[in-house]
C-alpha atoms as a PDB file:
ATOM      1  CA  MET A   1       5.835  23.406  40.763  1.00  0.00           C
ATOM      2  CA  SER A   2       2.837  21.451  39.523  1.00  0.00           C
ATOM      3  CA  PRO A   3       2.488  20.940  35.766  1.00  0.00           C
ATOM      4  CA  THR A   4      -0.030  23.111  33.995  1.00  0.00           C
ATOM      5  CA  PRO A   5      -3.109  21.551  32.386  1.00  0.00           C
ATOM      6  CA  ASP A   6      -1.433  22.000  28.975  1.00  0.00           C
ATOM      7  CA  GLN A   7       1.684  20.175  30.165  1.00  0.00           C
ATOM      8  CA  ARG A   8      -0.428  17.394  31.633  1.00  0.00           C
ATOM      9  CA  LEU A   9      -2.320  17.075  28.362  1.00  0.00           C
ATOM     10  CA  LEU A  10       0.873  16.813  26.336  1.00  0.00           C
ATOM     11  CA  ALA A  11       2.322  14.218  28.705  1.00  0.00           C
ATOM     12  CA  ALA A  12      -0.879  12.164  28.729  1.00  0.00           C
ATOM     13  CA  SER A  13      -0.996  12.253  24.926  1.00  0.00           C
ATOM     14  CA  VAL A  14       2.557  10.944  24.660  1.00  0.00           C
ATOM     15  CA  ALA A  15       1.738   8.147  27.101  1.00  0.00           C
ATOM     16  CA  GLY A  16      -1.576   7.292  25.485  1.00  0.00           C
ATOM     17  CA  ASP A  17      -3.322   7.948  28.795  1.00  0.00           C
ATOM     18  CA  SER A  18      -6.861   8.659  27.614  1.00  0.00           C
ATOM     19  CA  VAL A  19      -8.094   9.131  31.181  1.00  0.00           C
ATOM     20  CA  GLY A  20      -5.358  11.692  31.760  1.00  0.00           C
ATOM     21  CA  VAL A  21      -6.196  13.386  28.453  1.00  0.00           C
ATOM     22  CA  ARG A  22      -9.832  13.810  29.448  1.00  0.00           C
ATOM     23  CA  ALA A  23      -8.909  14.996  32.925  1.00  0.00           C
ATOM     24  CA  ALA A  24      -6.511  17.623  31.578  1.00  0.00           C
ATOM     25  CA  LEU A  25      -9.136  18.838  29.125  1.00  0.00           C
ATOM     26  CA  ARG A  26     -11.678  19.145  31.943  1.00  0.00           C
ATOM     27  CA  ASP A  27      -9.134  21.191  33.879  1.00  0.00           C
ATOM     28  CA  GLY A  28      -8.797  23.685  31.035  1.00  0.00           C
ATOM     29  CA  ALA A  29      -5.980  22.266  28.899  1.00  0.00           C
ATOM     30  CA  ARG A  30      -5.996  23.507  25.333  1.00  0.00           C
ATOM     31  CA  VAL A  31      -6.139  21.053  22.441  1.00  0.00           C
ATOM     32  CA  THR A  32      -4.001  23.637  20.617  1.00  0.00           C
ATOM     33  CA  ALA A  33      -1.147  23.301  23.138  1.00  0.00           C
ATOM     34  CA  ARG A  34       2.303  22.683  21.635  1.00  0.00           C
ATOM     35  CA  ASP A  35       5.543  21.199  22.939  1.00  0.00           C
ATOM     36  CA  ALA A  36       9.042  22.494  22.191  1.00  0.00           C
ATOM     37  CA  GLU A  37       8.890  20.946  18.703  1.00  0.00           C
ATOM     38  CA  LEU A  38       5.448  22.461  18.072  1.00  0.00           C
ATOM     39  CA  ARG A  39       3.758  19.076  18.303  1.00  0.00           C
ATOM     40  CA  THR A  40       0.128  19.200  19.385  1.00  0.00           C
ATOM     41  CA  PRO A  41      -1.425  16.654  21.754  1.00  0.00           C
ATOM     42  CA  LEU A  42      -3.141  14.998  18.790  1.00  0.00           C
ATOM     43  CA  LEU A  43       0.107  14.700  16.861  1.00  0.00           C
ATOM     44  CA  LEU A  44       1.779  13.131  19.904  1.00  0.00           C
ATOM     45  CA  ALA A  45      -1.075  10.657  20.248  1.00  0.00           C
ATOM     46  CA  ALA A  46      -0.925   9.839  16.532  1.00  0.00           C
ATOM     47  CA  LEU A  47       2.826   9.276  16.645  1.00  0.00           C
ATOM     48  CA  GLY A  48       2.301   6.699  19.375  1.00  0.00           C
ATOM     49  CA  SER A  49      -0.777   5.173  17.705  1.00  0.00           C
ATOM     50  CA  HIS A  50      -2.745   5.913  20.878  1.00  0.00           C
ATOM     51  CA  VAL A  51      -6.219   5.600  19.413  1.00  0.00           C
ATOM     52  CA  ASP A  52      -8.302   6.198  22.531  1.00  0.00           C
ATOM     53  CA  ALA A  53      -6.355   9.333  23.447  1.00  0.00           C
ATOM     54  CA  ALA A  54      -6.699  10.588  19.875  1.00  0.00           C
ATOM     55  CA  ARG A  55     -10.434   9.918  19.916  1.00  0.00           C
ATOM     56  CA  ALA A  56     -10.812  12.101  23.019  1.00  0.00           C
ATOM     57  CA  LEU A  57      -8.766  14.880  21.426  1.00  0.00           C
ATOM     58  CA  VAL A  58     -10.734  14.774  18.179  1.00  0.00           C
ATOM     59  CA  ALA A  59     -13.970  14.971  20.164  1.00  0.00           C
ATOM     60  CA  ALA A  60     -12.543  18.076  21.866  1.00  0.00           C
ATOM     61  CA  GLY A  61     -11.926  19.738  18.498  1.00  0.00           C
ATOM     62  CA  ALA A  62      -8.233  19.048  17.911  1.00  0.00           C
ATOM     63  CA  ASP A  63      -6.845  20.103  14.528  1.00  0.00           C
ATOM     64  CA  VAL A  64      -5.904  17.048  12.480  1.00  0.00           C
ATOM     65  CA  ASN A  65      -3.873  19.217  10.091  1.00  0.00           C
ATOM     66  CA  ALA A  66      -1.708  21.155  12.585  1.00  0.00           C
ATOM     67  CA  GLN A  67       1.939  20.742  11.565  1.00  0.00           C
ATOM     68  CA  ASP A  68       5.031  20.784  13.767  1.00  0.00           C
ATOM     69  CA  LEU A  69       8.570  21.970  13.097  1.00  0.00           C
ATOM     70  CA  ARG A  70       9.179  18.916  10.901  1.00  0.00           C
ATOM     71  CA  GLU A  71       5.979  19.600   8.931  1.00  0.00           C
ATOM     72  CA  ASP A  72       4.363  16.469  10.332  1.00  0.00           C
ATOM     73  CA  SER A  73       0.647  16.531  11.122  1.00  0.00           C
ATOM     74  CA  PRO A  74      -1.553  13.979  12.910  1.00  0.00           C
ATOM     75  CA  TRP A  75      -2.944  12.836   9.566  1.00  0.00           C
ATOM     76  CA  LEU A  76       0.400  12.692   7.768  1.00  0.00           C
ATOM     77  CA  VAL A  77       2.025  10.513  10.438  1.00  0.00           C
ATOM     78  CA  THR A  78      -0.642   7.840  10.069  1.00  0.00           C
ATOM     79  CA  GLY A  79       1.148   6.982   6.842  1.00  0.00           C
ATOM     80  CA  VAL A  80       4.390   6.601   8.774  1.00  0.00           C
ATOM     81  CA  THR A  81       2.928   4.430  11.531  1.00  0.00           C
ATOM     82  CA  GLY A  82       0.570   2.580   9.199  1.00  0.00           C
ATOM     83  CA  SER A  83      -2.226   2.678  11.779  1.00  0.00           C
ATOM     84  CA  VAL A  84      -5.537   2.098  10.019  1.00  0.00           C
ATOM     85  CA  ALA A  85      -7.367   2.511  13.329  1.00  0.00           C
ATOM     86  CA  MET A  86      -5.818   5.959  13.835  1.00  0.00           C
ATOM     87  CA  MET A  87      -6.584   6.893  10.238  1.00  0.00           C
ATOM     88  CA  ARG A  88     -10.254   6.127  10.835  1.00  0.00           C
ATOM     89  CA  VAL A  89     -10.353   8.076  14.101  1.00  0.00           C
ATOM     90  CA  LEU A  90      -8.928  11.126  12.338  1.00  0.00           C
ATOM     91  CA  LEU A  91     -11.104  10.988   9.216  1.00  0.00           C
ATOM     92  CA  PRO A  92     -14.145  12.662  10.822  1.00  0.00           C
ATOM     93  CA  ALA A  93     -11.902  15.595  11.816  1.00  0.00           C
ATOM     94  CA  GLY A  94     -11.539  16.589   8.165  1.00  0.00           C
ATOM     95  CA  PRO A  95      -7.924  15.894   7.195  1.00  0.00           C
ATOM     96  CA  ASP A  96      -6.518  17.889   4.302  1.00  0.00           C
ATOM     97  CA  LEU A  97      -5.568  15.120   1.890  1.00  0.00           C
ATOM     98  CA  THR A  98      -3.344  17.505  -0.078  1.00  0.00           C
ATOM     99  CA  LEU A  99      -1.294  18.651   2.934  1.00  0.00           C
ATOM    100  CA  ARG A 100       2.364  17.784   2.353  1.00  0.00           C
ATOM    101  CA  ASN A 101       5.168  16.668   4.640  1.00  0.00           C
ATOM    102  CA  ARG A 102       8.703  18.043   4.501  1.00  0.00           C
ATOM    103  CA  PHE A 103       9.431  15.852   1.479  1.00  0.00           C
ATOM    104  CA  GLY A 104       6.381  17.123  -0.375  1.00  0.00           C
ATOM    105  CA  GLY A 105       4.573  13.848   0.138  1.00  0.00           C
ATOM    106  CA  ILE A 106       1.105  12.857   1.327  1.00  0.00           C
ATOM    107  CA  SER A 107       0.351  10.023   3.741  1.00  0.00           C
ATOM    108  CA  VAL A 108       0.165   7.224   1.162  1.00  0.00           C
ATOM    109  CA  ILE A 109       3.799   7.778   0.143  1.00  0.00           C
ATOM    110  CA  PRO A 110       5.563   6.983   3.444  1.00  0.00           C
ATOM    111  CA  ALA A 111       3.079   4.172   3.960  1.00  0.00           C
ATOM    112  CA  SER A 112       4.107   2.652   0.628  1.00  0.00           C
ATOM    113  CA  GLU A 113       7.782   3.111   1.406  1.00  0.00           C
ATOM    114  CA  ARG A 114       7.371   1.226   4.691  1.00  0.00           C
ATOM    115  CA  GLY A 115       5.261  -1.595   3.288  1.00  0.00           C
ATOM    116  CA  HIS A 116       2.067  -0.711   5.186  1.00  0.00           C
ATOM    117  CA  ALA A 117      -0.187  -2.500   2.722  1.00  0.00           C
ATOM    118  CA  GLU A 118      -3.340  -2.462   4.854  1.00  0.00           C
ATOM    119  CA  TYR A 119      -3.022   1.277   5.389  1.00  0.00           C
ATOM    120  CA  VAL A 120      -2.448   1.901   1.686  1.00  0.00           C
ATOM    121  CA  ARG A 121      -5.503  -0.184   0.859  1.00  0.00           C
ATOM    122  CA  ALA A 122      -7.666   1.590   3.429  1.00  0.00           C
ATOM    123  CA  VAL A 123      -6.610   5.167   2.693  1.00  0.00           C
ATOM    124  CA  LEU A 124      -7.139   4.710  -1.039  1.00  0.00           C
ATOM    125  CA  ALA A 125     -10.509   3.026  -0.555  1.00  0.00           C
ATOM    126  CA  GLU A 126     -11.863   5.405   2.087  1.00  0.00           C
ATOM    127  CA  THR A 127     -10.542   8.792   0.942  1.00  0.00           C
ATOM    128  CA  ASP A 128      -9.887  10.705  -2.257  1.00  0.00           C
ATOM    129  CA  THR A 129      -6.121  10.459  -1.830  1.00  0.00           C
ATOM    130  CA  ASP A 130      -4.236  11.057  -5.096  1.00  0.00           C
ATOM    131  CA  VAL A 131      -2.541   7.741  -5.829  1.00  0.00           C
ATOM    132  CA  ASP A 132      -0.199   9.421  -8.343  1.00  0.00           C
ATOM    133  CA  HIS A 133       0.864  12.332  -6.128  1.00  0.00           C
ATOM    134  CA  VAL A 134       4.511  13.266  -6.810  1.00  0.00           C
ATOM    135  CA  ASN A 135       6.719  14.495  -3.967  1.00  0.00           C
ATOM    136  CA  ARG A 136       9.699  16.852  -4.075  1.00  0.00           C
ATOM    137  CA  LEU A 137      12.006  13.960  -4.946  1.00  0.00           C
ATOM    138  CA  GLY A 138       9.947  13.289  -8.065  1.00  0.00           C
ATOM    139  CA  TRP A 139       8.578  10.047  -6.610  1.00  0.00           C
ATOM    140  CA  THR A 140       5.068   8.647  -6.394  1.00  0.00           C
ATOM    141  CA  ALA A 141       3.918   6.092  -3.838  1.00  0.00           C
ATOM    142  CA  LEU A 142       4.589   3.402  -6.443  1.00  0.00           C
ATOM    143  CA  LEU A 143       8.134   4.611  -7.023  1.00  0.00           C
ATOM    144  CA  GLU A 144       8.818   4.780  -3.281  1.00  0.00           C
ATOM    145  CA  ALA A 145       7.561   1.243  -2.783  1.00  0.00           C
ATOM    146  CA  VAL A 146      10.102   0.072  -5.368  1.00  0.00           C
ATOM    147  CA  ILE A 147      13.044   2.406  -4.735  1.00  0.00           C
ATOM    148  CA  LEU A 148      12.947   2.353  -0.928  1.00  0.00           C
ATOM    149  CA  GLY A 149      11.259  -1.011  -0.390  1.00  0.00           C
ATOM    150  CA  ASP A 150      12.980  -4.371   0.018  1.00  0.00           C
ATOM    151  CA  GLY A 151      11.088  -6.223  -2.707  1.00  0.00           C
ATOM    152  CA  GLY A 152       9.536  -8.590  -0.168  1.00  0.00           C
ATOM    153  CA  ARG A 153       5.940  -9.653   0.307  1.00  0.00           C
ATOM    154  CA  ALA A 154       4.841  -6.465   2.073  1.00  0.00           C
ATOM    155  CA  HIS A 155       6.083  -4.223  -0.713  1.00  0.00           C
ATOM    156  CA  GLN A 156       4.760  -6.595  -3.361  1.00  0.00           C
ATOM    157  CA  GLU A 157       1.329  -6.230  -1.782  1.00  0.00           C
ATOM    158  CA  VAL A 158       1.671  -2.451  -1.681  1.00  0.00           C
ATOM    159  CA  VAL A 159       2.455  -2.449  -5.399  1.00  0.00           C
ATOM    160  CA  GLU A 160      -0.558  -4.665  -6.063  1.00  0.00           C
ATOM    161  CA  VAL A 161      -2.821  -2.355  -4.067  1.00  0.00           C
ATOM    162  CA  LEU A 162      -1.504   0.805  -5.719  1.00  0.00           C
ATOM    163  CA  LEU A 163      -1.935  -0.635  -9.207  1.00  0.00           C
ATOM    164  CA  ALA A 164      -5.439  -1.874  -8.395  1.00  0.00           C
ATOM    165  CA  ALA A 165      -6.281   1.646  -7.192  1.00  0.00           C
ATOM    166  CA  GLY A 166      -5.255   3.110 -10.529  1.00  0.00           C
ATOM    167  CA  ALA A 167      -1.629   4.105 -10.021  1.00  0.00           C
ATOM    168  CA  THR A 168       0.021   4.888 -13.364  1.00  0.00           C
ATOM    169  CA  PRO A 169       2.475   1.985 -13.773  1.00  0.00           C
ATOM    170  CA  ASP A 170       4.971   3.779 -16.011  1.00  0.00           C
ATOM    171  CA  LEU A 171       4.960   7.213 -14.352  1.00  0.00           C
ATOM    172  CA  ALA A 172       8.709   7.906 -14.241  1.00  0.00           C
ATOM    173  CA  ASP A 173      10.794   9.715 -11.638  1.00  0.00           C
ATOM    174  CA  GLY A 174      12.496  13.047 -12.216  1.00  0.00           C
ATOM    175  CA  ASP A 175      15.272  11.306 -14.151  1.00  0.00           C
ATOM    176  CA  GLY A 176      12.840   9.544 -16.470  1.00  0.00           C
ATOM    177  CA  VAL A 177      13.286   6.125 -14.832  1.00  0.00           C
ATOM    178  CA  THR A 178      10.091   4.102 -14.521  1.00  0.00           C
ATOM    179  CA  PRO A 179       9.070   1.878 -11.594  1.00  0.00           C
ATOM    180  CA  LEU A 180       9.641  -1.178 -13.808  1.00  0.00           C
ATOM    181  CA  THR A 181      13.214  -0.166 -14.601  1.00  0.00           C
ATOM    182  CA  HIS A 182      13.903   0.452 -10.913  1.00  0.00           C
ATOM    183  CA  ALA A 183      12.440  -2.951 -10.039  1.00  0.00           C
ATOM    184  CA  GLU A 184      14.545  -4.702 -12.680  1.00  0.00           C
ATOM    185  CA  ARG A 185      17.703  -2.932 -11.521  1.00  0.00           C
ATOM    186  CA  ARG A 186      17.062  -4.038  -7.946  1.00  0.00           C
ATOM    187  CA  GLY A 187      16.251  -7.612  -8.903  1.00  0.00           C
ATOM    188  CA  PHE A 188      12.663  -7.450  -7.647  1.00  0.00           C
ATOM    189  CA  THR A 189      11.311 -10.087 -10.014  1.00  0.00           C
ATOM    190  CA  VAL A 190       7.797 -10.331  -8.576  1.00  0.00           C
ATOM    191  CA  ILE A 191       7.299  -6.570  -8.533  1.00  0.00           C
ATOM    192  CA  ALA A 192       8.752  -6.282 -12.034  1.00  0.00           C
ATOM    193  CA  HIS A 193       6.253  -8.905 -13.210  1.00  0.00           C
ATOM    194  CA  LEU A 194       3.364  -6.981 -11.634  1.00  0.00           C
ATOM    195  CA  LEU A 195       4.498  -3.778 -13.309  1.00  0.00           C
ATOM    196  CA  ARG A 196       4.923  -5.425 -16.721  1.00  0.00           C
ATOM    197  CA  GLN A 197       1.387  -6.794 -16.469  1.00  0.00           C
ATOM    198  CA  ALA A 198       0.038  -3.378 -15.500  1.00  0.00           C
ATOM    199  CA  GLU A 199       1.901  -1.614 -18.292  1.00  0.00           C
ATOM    200  CA  SER A 200       0.646  -4.167 -20.800  1.00  0.00           C
ATOM    201  CA  ALA A 201      -2.932  -3.761 -19.592  1.00  0.00           C
ATOM    202  CA  ALA A 202      -2.624   0.016 -19.903  1.00  0.00           C
ATOM    203  CA  LEU A 203      -1.555  -0.111 -23.539  1.00  0.00           C
ATOM    204  CA  PRO A 204      -4.245   1.010 -25.986  1.00  0.00           C
ATOM    205  CA  HIS A 205      -5.913  -1.861 -27.799  1.00  0.00           C
ATOM    206  CA  HIS A 206      -6.081  -1.516 -31.567  1.00  0.00           C
ATOM    207  CA  PRO A 207      -8.849  -3.185 -33.584  1.00  0.00           C
ATOM    208  CA  GLY A 208      -7.698  -6.350 -35.239  1.00  0.00           C
ATOM    209  CA  THR A 209      -5.033  -7.123 -32.656  1.00  0.00           C
ATOM    210  CA  PRO A 210      -5.331  -9.897 -30.090  1.00  0.00           C
ATOM    211  CA  SER A 211      -6.735  -8.873 -26.690  1.00  0.00           C
END
């Protein structure tokens, strides 16, 4: 039995076959089609960072906010993959920047956890993403970069970007532990230094005291 247009569209989206995506759409495939895990063609394309396929799907009206069984959406997974190109393809489709994944997080949080510094920089510069959003674990993007990062250059850069974008340096987790304390406990000396500087800069300045 030949695959249906919907099945062809899903398969082409997984493969990043933009020609196949367009052909399936011409043959009547629905951009709202779902696989067994309720993933749409656009989500499948986003997961694979298949930009051209995603561009065709967005042009056909695909929903950038449609979530699957795992509560992933095309927009949310850009934070997982760290694809700035995909992020920019999806922006015109009107992503809901407050939509949360299964952990209660928004895209900047998994991006920070994984050390996707360029994505973090781009999403904060080009959208109104809440840099201090707190997920169900009680963690912000800054906390995730410290707690789940490795302290290396990528995560140092993420911390720099988050702080430059206005992240609150001493916003503690659900147990009252600040990013600085986490960094010190893990021996992340560079990140700890960045956080100390940010905390110091955030302190109110009193007249008569040195700047």
